[in-house]
Amino acid sequence: MFGVADIHKEYERLLENGVKFTMEPTKMGVVTIAVFGDTCGNLIQILQQ
């Protein structure tokens, strides 16, 4: 899990670079989370508080 300052900006930047997301930025209480896979099959979360 990695914290980011602007999840929507980071989401768009990663999409433009070919990252495949399994979950778009989604508000969950006080945080917004997005999930993508790495090249080894692991799921990585980015979040903004």
Protein backbone atom coordinates (compact mmCIF):
# COMPACT_ATOMS: atom_id res chain seq x y z
CA MET A 1 0.00 0.00 0.00
CA PHE A 2 1.33 3.40 -1.00
CA GLY A 3 -0.01 6.78 0.05
CA VAL A 4 -0.38 9.46 -2.64
CA ALA A 5 -1.30 13.15 -2.46
CA ASP A 6 -3.75 13.11 -5.42
CA ILE A 7 -5.10 9.64 -6.20
CA HIS A 8 -7.01 10.70 -9.31
CA LYS A 9 -3.93 12.33 -10.84
CA GLU A 10 -1.79 9.29 -9.98
CA TYR A 11 -4.46 6.92 -11.33
CA GLU A 12 -4.53 8.76 -14.68
CA ARG A 13 -0.72 8.88 -14.86
CA LEU A 14 -0.43 5.14 -14.23
CA LEU A 15 -3.20 4.34 -16.75
CA GLU A 16 -1.35 6.36 -19.40
CA ASN A 17 1.73 4.22 -18.69
CA GLY A 18 -0.11 0.93 -19.25
CA VAL A 19 -0.94 -0.06 -15.67
CA LYS A 20 -4.03 -2.29 -15.46
CA PHE A 21 -6.25 -1.47 -12.48
CA THR A 22 -8.55 -4.01 -10.83
CA MET A 23 -10.34 -1.24 -8.88
CA GLU A 24 -10.75 2.40 -9.87
CA PRO A 25 -10.36 5.07 -7.18
CA THR A 26 -13.13 4.34 -4.69
CA LYS A 27 -14.07 6.35 -1.60
CA MET A 28 -14.10 4.18 1.53
CA GLY A 29 -14.83 6.30 4.56
CA VAL A 30 -12.05 8.86 5.00
CA VAL A 31 -9.75 7.31 2.37
CA THR A 32 -9.90 6.73 -1.39
CA ILE A 33 -8.29 3.52 -2.65
CA ALA A 34 -7.34 2.15 -6.09
CA VAL A 35 -5.85 -1.29 -6.78
CA PHE A 36 -3.63 -2.55 -9.58
CA GLY A 37 -1.59 -5.68 -10.25
CA ASP A 38 2.17 -5.91 -10.64
CA THR A 39 3.95 -8.20 -13.11
CA CYS A 40 4.21 -11.00 -10.52
CA GLY A 41 0.48 -11.29 -9.76
CA ASN A 42 0.51 -9.20 -6.56
CA LEU A 43 -2.13 -6.55 -5.95
CA ILE A 44 -0.90 -3.08 -5.02
CA GLN A 45 -3.07 -0.41 -3.39
CA ILE A 46 -2.63 3.32 -3.64
CA LEU A 47 -4.57 5.46 -1.21
CA GLN A 48 -5.31 9.06 -0.43
CA GLN A 49 -6.45 10.19 3.00
